[in-house]
Protein backbone atom coordinates (compact mmCIF):
# COMPACT_ATOMS: atom_id res chain seq x y z
CA MET A 1 21.66 12.25 -12.82
CA HIS A 2 21.87 13.05 -9.14
CA SER A 3 25.21 12.83 -7.45
CA LEU A 4 24.48 10.83 -4.29
CA PRO A 5 26.62 8.95 -1.80
CA PRO A 6 27.14 5.47 -3.27
CA PRO A 7 24.97 2.77 -1.71
CA THR A 8 26.79 0.27 0.43
CA GLY A 9 26.16 -3.35 1.38
CA ALA A 10 25.18 -6.42 -0.57
CA ASN A 11 21.54 -5.41 -0.78
CA LEU A 12 22.28 -2.17 -2.63
CA ARG A 13 24.78 -3.41 -5.21
CA GLU A 14 22.18 -3.51 -7.95
CA ALA A 15 21.42 0.16 -7.39
CA ASP A 16 24.64 1.35 -9.06
CA PRO A 17 24.27 3.61 -10.90
CA TRP A 18 21.27 5.23 -9.22
CA ARG A 19 19.09 7.04 -11.68
CA LYS A 20 16.51 9.69 -11.06
CA ILE A 21 12.86 8.74 -11.23
CA VAL A 22 9.66 10.02 -9.67
CA TYR A 23 7.05 7.78 -8.07
CA ASN A 24 4.00 7.70 -10.27
CA PHE A 25 1.91 5.25 -8.18
CA LYS A 26 1.60 2.97 -11.21
CA PRO A 27 -1.42 0.64 -10.88
CA MET A 28 -1.13 -3.04 -11.65
CA ARG A 29 -1.57 -4.07 -15.24
CA GLY A 30 -5.14 -4.37 -16.46
CA PHE A 31 -6.72 -2.05 -13.91
CA ARG A 32 -9.17 0.36 -15.49
CA ARG A 33 -9.50 2.86 -12.64
CA PRO A 34 -6.06 3.56 -11.15
CA TYR A 35 -5.71 5.27 -7.84
CA LEU A 36 -4.60 8.86 -8.14
CA GLY A 37 -3.56 11.71 -5.88
CA LEU A 38 -2.48 9.57 -2.94
CA ALA A 39 0.15 12.03 -1.79
CA ALA A 40 -2.45 14.79 -1.83
CA VAL A 41 -4.83 12.67 0.26
CA ALA A 42 -2.17 12.09 2.88
CA ALA A 43 -1.11 15.73 2.91
CA VAL A 44 -4.62 17.05 3.43
CA ALA A 45 -5.47 14.40 6.02
CA ALA A 46 -2.32 14.97 8.04
CA CYS A 47 -1.44 18.61 7.67
CA GLY A 48 -4.26 20.46 5.94
CA PRO A 49 -4.31 21.97 2.47
CA ALA A 50 -1.65 24.56 3.27
CA ALA A 51 1.01 21.99 4.12
CA ILE A 52 4.36 22.36 2.35
CA ALA A 53 5.91 19.05 1.41
CA PRO A 54 9.71 18.92 1.42
CA ARG A 55 11.06 17.20 -1.67
CA ALA A 56 13.75 14.59 -1.13
CA THR A 57 15.84 12.22 -3.20
CA VAL A 58 15.95 8.85 -1.46
CA PRO A 59 16.74 5.23 -2.32
CA GLY A 60 13.63 3.50 -3.58
CA VAL A 61 12.27 1.05 -6.13
CA ASP A 62 11.80 1.96 -9.78
CA PRO A 63 8.14 1.05 -10.44
CA LEU A 64 9.00 0.06 -14.02
CA SER A 65 12.16 -2.02 -13.64
CA GLY A 66 11.76 -3.09 -10.02
CA ARG A 67 15.39 -2.13 -9.35
CA LEU A 68 16.78 0.22 -6.74
CA ALA A 69 17.19 3.81 -7.90
CA ALA A 70 17.28 7.38 -6.65
CA VAL A 71 13.65 8.41 -6.25
CA ASP A 72 12.27 11.94 -5.89
CA VAL A 73 9.42 12.07 -3.37
CA ASP A 74 7.31 14.75 -1.72
CA LEU A 75 7.05 14.01 2.01
CA ALA A 76 4.25 16.19 3.35
CA GLY A 77 4.70 17.25 6.97
CA ALA A 78 8.08 15.54 7.33
CA ASP A 79 11.22 16.80 9.05
CA LEU A 80 13.94 15.28 6.89
CA SER A 81 16.82 15.87 9.30
CA SER A 82 15.16 13.98 12.15
CA VAL A 83 13.26 11.56 9.84
CA ARG A 84 9.85 12.08 11.32
CA GLY A 85 6.44 13.07 10.08
CA PRO A 86 2.86 11.81 9.74
CA ALA A 87 4.02 8.33 8.71
CA GLY A 88 6.26 7.70 11.71
CA THR A 89 8.99 8.89 14.06
CA LEU A 90 12.39 7.27 13.65
CA LEU A 91 14.38 6.54 16.80
CA THR A 92 17.94 5.26 17.08
CA ASN A 93 19.65 3.55 20.04
CA ALA A 94 16.33 2.36 21.46
CA ALA A 95 15.83 -0.86 23.39
CA VAL A 96 12.73 -2.98 23.93
CA ASP A 97 12.18 -4.71 27.25
CA SER A 98 9.04 -6.09 28.87
CA GLY A 99 6.80 -4.57 26.22
CA ARG A 100 8.26 -1.07 26.61
CA ILE A 101 10.49 1.15 24.49
CA LEU A 102 13.51 2.30 26.49
CA GLY A 103 15.58 5.29 25.44
CA GLY A 104 16.03 6.25 21.83
CA GLN A 105 16.54 9.55 20.09
CA PRO A 106 15.91 10.86 16.59
CA PRO A 107 18.83 10.92 14.15
CA ASP A 108 20.47 14.17 13.17
CA CYS A 109 20.88 13.72 9.43
CA SER A 110 22.97 16.20 7.47
CA LEU A 111 21.39 17.10 4.14
CA ARG A 112 22.49 18.79 0.99
CA ARG A 113 20.49 20.36 -1.78
CA LEU A 114 20.90 18.79 -5.21
CA PRO A 115 20.91 20.79 -8.47
CA GLY A 116 17.29 19.86 -9.12
CA GLY A 117 16.20 21.42 -5.82
CA THR A 118 15.62 18.23 -3.85
CA GLN A 119 17.40 17.38 -0.61
CA ALA A 120 19.43 14.22 -0.03
CA ALA A 121 21.15 12.74 3.01
CA LEU A 122 24.94 12.89 3.11
CA SER A 123 25.43 9.53 4.80
CA ALA A 124 24.31 6.15 3.46
CA ARG A 125 22.70 5.35 6.83
CA CYS A 126 20.52 8.45 6.79
CA ALA A 127 19.69 7.84 3.14
CA ALA A 128 18.42 4.39 4.13
CA PHE A 129 16.37 5.94 6.94
CA LEU A 130 14.75 8.43 4.56
CA GLY A 131 14.11 5.70 1.98
CA ALA A 132 12.30 3.59 4.56
CA TYR A 133 10.29 6.59 5.76
CA ALA A 134 9.31 7.42 2.16
CA ALA A 135 8.12 3.83 1.63
CA LEU A 136 6.06 4.02 4.83
CA ASP A 137 4.63 7.38 3.77
CA ARG A 138 3.64 5.92 0.40
CA ALA A 139 1.95 2.98 2.12
CA ARG A 140 0.09 5.35 4.43
CA SER A 141 -1.10 7.38 1.42
CA PHE A 142 -2.50 4.30 -0.27
CA LEU A 143 -4.25 3.06 2.86
CA LEU A 144 -5.81 6.47 3.48
CA SER A 145 -7.12 6.49 -0.09
CA ALA A 146 -8.70 3.11 0.66
CA GLY A 147 -10.54 4.43 3.71
CA ALA A 148 -8.03 3.50 6.41
CA GLU A 149 -7.92 5.26 9.76
CA ALA A 150 -5.57 8.26 10.02
CA LEU A 151 -3.52 6.87 12.88
CA PRO A 152 -0.98 8.97 14.77
CA PRO A 153 2.68 8.48 13.83
CA ALA A 154 4.17 5.30 15.24
CA PRO A 155 7.75 4.97 16.54
CA VAL A 156 10.15 3.40 14.04
CA LEU A 157 12.99 1.78 15.98
CA ALA A 158 16.16 1.54 13.90
CA ASP A 159 18.30 -1.50 14.81
CA PRO A 160 16.65 -1.84 18.23
CA ALA A 161 18.05 -3.95 21.04
CA LEU A 162 15.45 -6.65 21.64
CA ARG A 163 15.80 -8.74 24.74
CA GLY A 164 16.50 -12.37 23.86
CA GLU A 165 15.98 -12.11 20.09
CA ALA A 166 17.12 -10.31 16.98
CA ALA A 167 14.75 -8.06 15.11
CA PRO A 168 13.84 -9.42 11.65
CA ALA A 169 15.06 -7.67 8.53
CA GLY A 170 13.01 -4.90 7.00
CA LEU A 171 10.26 -2.75 8.46
CA ARG A 172 8.16 -4.89 10.84
CA TYR A 173 5.13 -4.01 12.94
CA LEU A 174 5.11 -4.98 16.62
CA PRO A 175 1.50 -4.82 17.87
CA VAL A 176 2.47 -5.08 21.54
CA LEU A 177 4.37 -1.79 21.18
CA ASP A 178 2.31 -0.24 18.37
CA ALA A 179 5.67 0.47 16.77
CA PHE A 180 7.82 -0.62 13.84
CA THR A 181 11.33 -2.02 13.85
CA LEU A 182 13.74 -1.15 11.04
CA VAL A 183 16.64 -3.46 10.23
CA VAL A 184 18.70 -3.74 7.03
CA GLY A 185 18.38 -6.81 4.84
CA PRO A 186 17.62 -9.55 4.32
CA PRO A 187 21.03 -10.58 2.92
CA GLY A 188 20.89 -11.75 -0.67
CA ALA A 189 17.53 -10.15 -1.45
CA ARG A 190 17.15 -8.18 -4.67
CA VAL A 191 15.36 -5.35 -2.82
CA PRO A 192 15.77 -4.55 0.90
CA ALA A 193 12.50 -5.28 2.65
CA ALA A 194 12.32 -1.77 4.13
CA LEU A 195 12.28 -0.32 0.58
CA ASN A 196 9.86 -2.86 -0.90
CA PRO A 197 6.57 -0.95 -1.41
CA GLY A 198 4.43 -4.05 -0.99
CA ALA A 199 6.26 -5.35 2.08
CA VAL A 200 6.05 -1.96 3.80
CA ALA A 201 2.35 -1.58 2.92
CA HIS A 202 1.80 -5.08 4.37
CA GLU A 203 3.25 -3.98 7.72
CA ALA A 204 1.36 -0.68 7.68
CA ALA A 205 -1.84 -2.63 7.01
CA LEU A 206 -1.17 -4.89 10.01
CA ARG A 207 -1.22 -1.76 12.17
CA GLN A 208 -4.63 -0.88 10.76
CA LEU A 209 -5.79 -4.43 11.57
CA ARG A 210 -4.19 -4.65 15.02
CA GLY A 211 -7.55 -5.40 16.67
CA LEU A 212 -7.94 -8.48 14.45
CA LEU A 213 -4.42 -9.88 14.90
CA GLU A 214 -5.15 -11.82 18.08
CA PRO A 215 -8.71 -13.15 17.57
CA ARG A 216 -8.33 -13.89 13.83
CA PRO A 217 -4.64 -13.84 12.82
CA ASP A 218 -5.19 -15.60 9.48
CA ASP A 219 -7.77 -13.03 8.37
CA ALA A 220 -5.55 -10.13 9.43
CA ALA A 221 -2.55 -11.66 7.67
CA GLY A 222 -4.55 -12.37 4.50
CA VAL A 223 -5.99 -8.87 4.20
CA ALA A 224 -2.59 -7.31 4.91
CA LEU A 225 -0.99 -9.53 2.29
CA PHE A 226 -3.62 -8.47 -0.24
CA LEU A 227 -3.22 -4.78 0.62
CA GLY A 228 0.53 -5.07 0.11
CA ALA A 229 -0.13 -6.43 -3.38
CA THR A 230 -2.66 -3.74 -4.31
CA ALA A 231 -0.51 -0.93 -2.89
CA SER A 232 2.49 -2.04 -4.94
CA GLY A 233 0.55 -3.25 -7.98
CA ASP A 234 2.52 -6.49 -7.80
CA ALA A 235 1.03 -9.85 -6.80
CA ALA A 236 4.55 -11.24 -6.34
CA TYR A 237 6.03 -8.39 -4.30
CA ARG A 238 7.31 -10.75 -1.60
CA ALA A 239 9.74 -12.40 -4.02
CA ALA A 240 11.81 -9.23 -4.42
CA SER A 241 12.83 -9.32 -0.75
CA ALA A 242 13.18 -13.09 -0.41
CA PRO A 243 16.86 -14.07 0.04
CA GLU A 244 16.56 -16.93 -2.45
CA GLY A 245 14.00 -15.25 -4.69
CA ASP A 246 10.93 -17.21 -5.76
CA PRO A 247 11.96 -19.51 -8.62
CA ARG A 248 8.79 -21.63 -8.35
CA GLY A 249 6.37 -18.71 -8.08
CA GLU A 250 5.07 -19.81 -4.71
CA LEU A 251 4.93 -16.20 -3.44
CA ASP A 252 2.86 -14.95 -6.39
CA LEU A 253 -0.79 -14.39 -5.44
CA SER A 254 -1.85 -14.47 -9.09
CA ARG A 255 -0.69 -18.08 -9.56
CA PRO A 256 -2.56 -21.22 -8.48
CA LEU A 257 -1.90 -21.96 -4.82
CA PRO A 258 -0.53 -25.31 -3.65
CA PRO A 259 -2.95 -27.62 -1.81
CA ASP A 260 -1.25 -26.90 1.51
CA ALA A 261 -1.33 -23.10 1.13
CA ALA A 262 -1.78 -21.13 4.32
CA PRO A 263 -5.30 -19.78 4.99
CA SER A 264 -3.93 -16.23 4.74
CA ASP A 265 -2.60 -16.95 1.24
CA VAL A 266 -5.95 -18.45 0.20
CA LEU A 267 -7.75 -15.33 1.39
CA ALA A 268 -5.26 -12.93 -0.21
CA GLY A 269 -5.32 -14.90 -3.47
CA ALA A 270 -9.12 -14.79 -3.62
CA LEU A 271 -9.17 -11.04 -2.97
CA TRP A 272 -6.47 -10.46 -5.59
CA ALA A 273 -8.35 -12.50 -8.20
CA TRP A 274 -11.50 -10.48 -7.53
CA ALA A 275 -9.63 -7.14 -7.62
CA ASP A 276 -7.98 -8.12 -10.91
CA ALA A 277 -11.36 -9.07 -12.40
CA SER A 278 -13.15 -5.95 -11.14
CA GLY A 279 -10.43 -3.56 -12.26
CA ASP A 280 -10.61 -1.27 -9.22
CA THR A 281 -7.65 -1.34 -6.82
CA VAL A 282 -8.93 1.20 -4.37
CA GLY A 283 -12.44 -0.21 -4.40
CA ALA A 284 -11.16 -3.70 -3.66
CA ALA A 285 -8.86 -2.45 -0.90
CA ARG A 286 -11.66 -0.36 0.58
CA ALA A 287 -14.03 -3.34 0.65
CA ALA A 288 -11.41 -5.59 2.24
CA LEU A 289 -10.63 -3.02 4.94
CA ALA A 290 -14.32 -2.47 5.67
CA ALA A 291 -14.89 -6.22 5.93
CA ALA A 292 -11.94 -6.60 8.29
CA ARG A 293 -13.28 -3.82 10.51
CA ALA A 294 -16.71 -5.45 10.60
CA LEU A 295 -15.15 -8.79 11.48
CA GLN A 296 -13.06 -7.09 14.14
CA GLY A 297 -16.18 -5.54 15.64
CA SER A 298 -17.88 -8.94 15.83
CA ALA A 299 -14.79 -10.93 16.85
CA GLY A 300 -16.62 -12.41 19.81
CA ALA A 301 -19.66 -13.53 17.79
CA ASP A 302 -20.16 -16.83 16.04
CA GLY A 303 -19.22 -15.68 12.57
CA GLY A 304 -17.75 -18.85 11.14
CA SER A 305 -14.11 -19.50 10.41
CA GLY A 306 -11.68 -19.47 7.54
CA PRO A 307 -11.48 -17.16 4.50
CA ALA A 308 -15.20 -17.58 3.70
CA THR A 309 -16.16 -15.42 6.67
CA LEU A 310 -14.33 -12.34 5.51
CA LEU A 311 -15.17 -12.92 1.85
CA SER A 312 -18.85 -12.97 2.78
CA LEU A 313 -18.43 -9.54 4.31
CA VAL A 314 -16.72 -8.33 1.14
CA ALA A 315 -19.47 -9.71 -1.10
CA GLY A 316 -22.11 -8.23 1.22
CA GLN A 317 -20.98 -4.74 0.23
CA LEU A 318 -21.71 -5.41 -3.44
CA VAL A 319 -24.95 -5.59 -5.40
CA GLY A 320 -26.14 -6.99 -8.68
CA ALA A 321 -23.56 -7.93 -11.29
CA GLU A 322 -20.66 -6.86 -9.07
CA ARG A 323 -21.79 -9.27 -6.38
CA ASP A 324 -22.28 -12.09 -8.88
CA GLN A 325 -18.80 -11.48 -10.26
CA ALA A 326 -17.23 -11.54 -6.81
CA CYS A 327 -19.02 -14.74 -5.84
CA ALA A 328 -17.94 -16.42 -9.07
CA VAL A 329 -14.31 -15.41 -8.48
CA PHE A 330 -14.37 -16.52 -4.86
CA ARG A 331 -15.87 -19.87 -5.88
CA ARG A 332 -12.89 -20.49 -8.17
CA ALA A 333 -10.58 -19.55 -5.29
CA ARG A 334 -11.38 -22.78 -3.41
CA CYS A 335 -14.03 -21.35 -1.09
CA PRO A 336 -16.42 -23.90 0.41
CA LEU A 337 -19.30 -24.83 -1.91
CA SER A 338 -21.89 -24.16 0.80
CA TRP A 339 -20.64 -20.61 1.20
CA CYS A 340 -20.54 -20.00 -2.55
CA ASN A 341 -24.18 -21.03 -2.84
CA SER A 342 -25.19 -18.70 -0.02
CA CYS A 343 -23.13 -15.92 -1.57
CA LEU A 344 -25.07 -16.19 -4.82
CA ALA A 345 -28.43 -16.61 -3.09
CA GLY A 346 -28.06 -13.77 -0.63
CA ARG A 347 -25.93 -12.50 2.19
CA PRO A 348 -25.59 -14.91 5.14
CA ALA A 349 -27.29 -13.49 8.22
CA TRP A 350 -24.24 -14.07 10.42
CA SER A 351 -22.07 -12.00 8.11
CA ARG A 352 -23.84 -8.70 8.67
CA PRO A 353 -21.42 -6.15 10.09
CA PRO A 354 -22.30 -4.39 13.33
CA THR A 355 -23.87 -0.97 13.00
CA SER A 356 -22.36 0.49 16.15
CA ALA A 357 -20.35 3.70 16.00
CA GLY A 358 -17.03 3.29 14.30
CA SER A 359 -18.11 0.21 12.31
CA PRO A 360 -18.65 0.45 8.57
CA SER A 361 -22.12 -0.08 7.16
CA PRO A 362 -22.54 -1.96 3.88
CA ARG A 363 -24.13 -0.36 0.89
């Protein structure tokens, strides 16, 4: 067992004692083709094959128990003392005013080497910083494996001063700044949002979909919600960071949705049901990202509205039995009957993605 500074605060009480584990990128139950080698994908994409990844012990989530634990991670290209690397650049004492980041400097975290050879932060605050960075790095690795764009590191503003409002708990993406905010909490949650793999992947996905956030916010939110679930392998990942939990299962994408469910939840639930049936996490995430990019490229065209638009673009990438399976799943997910019929008959003409440079082409 590693000897680490004890976690502090209500959100970390369940982490005592911390026990050593290693992320194994466990896929969700029932998937036949798990995603592998995500850390290697990120390392090669960011730093080349000769990159040396520092190994750190950070607070994280045990993929088996769902509890907080000490997690050993390889963070390719990262500077642990200043908490920066390909996934982001952490800044403290920064302020946000009129859409600009004012001030801010990287932390200077003191580290010590543990008997197993990994490095760990001496202070609880720096340990939390490194845990959040590791979660963001893991999310980036998954998204890259699903065909996401290798974006440059974004600023991560720790406890920023926001004019007129308080930053929400967890790691949150601010599209106007192309930056993340990092705040502890929420109080009472079983897992801090900044350490929740699904919640962090959700925010990282929103950055990938930033061009879709304004013209089609429900589609962007639905795809990001789905990608958070596939990255974490947990359809109910939001419940772990909900202050009151989720006793009724309303945050679980694998359960039937209420009649008044948000359009983003309908879309994410349909994508999850299809991914679960197909058995391919990365393939489902790749198709959803490609569809979102195509929709983003045609945001000004008359492409319909609601979840059916994006689902048509997903189904349009499939052929034969795979397409029939997707259409059948989407039909059960409360998609309009007219769209389901066109899905089975052939791809709607308006759903064809643009073929301009930078836009994905369907198979």
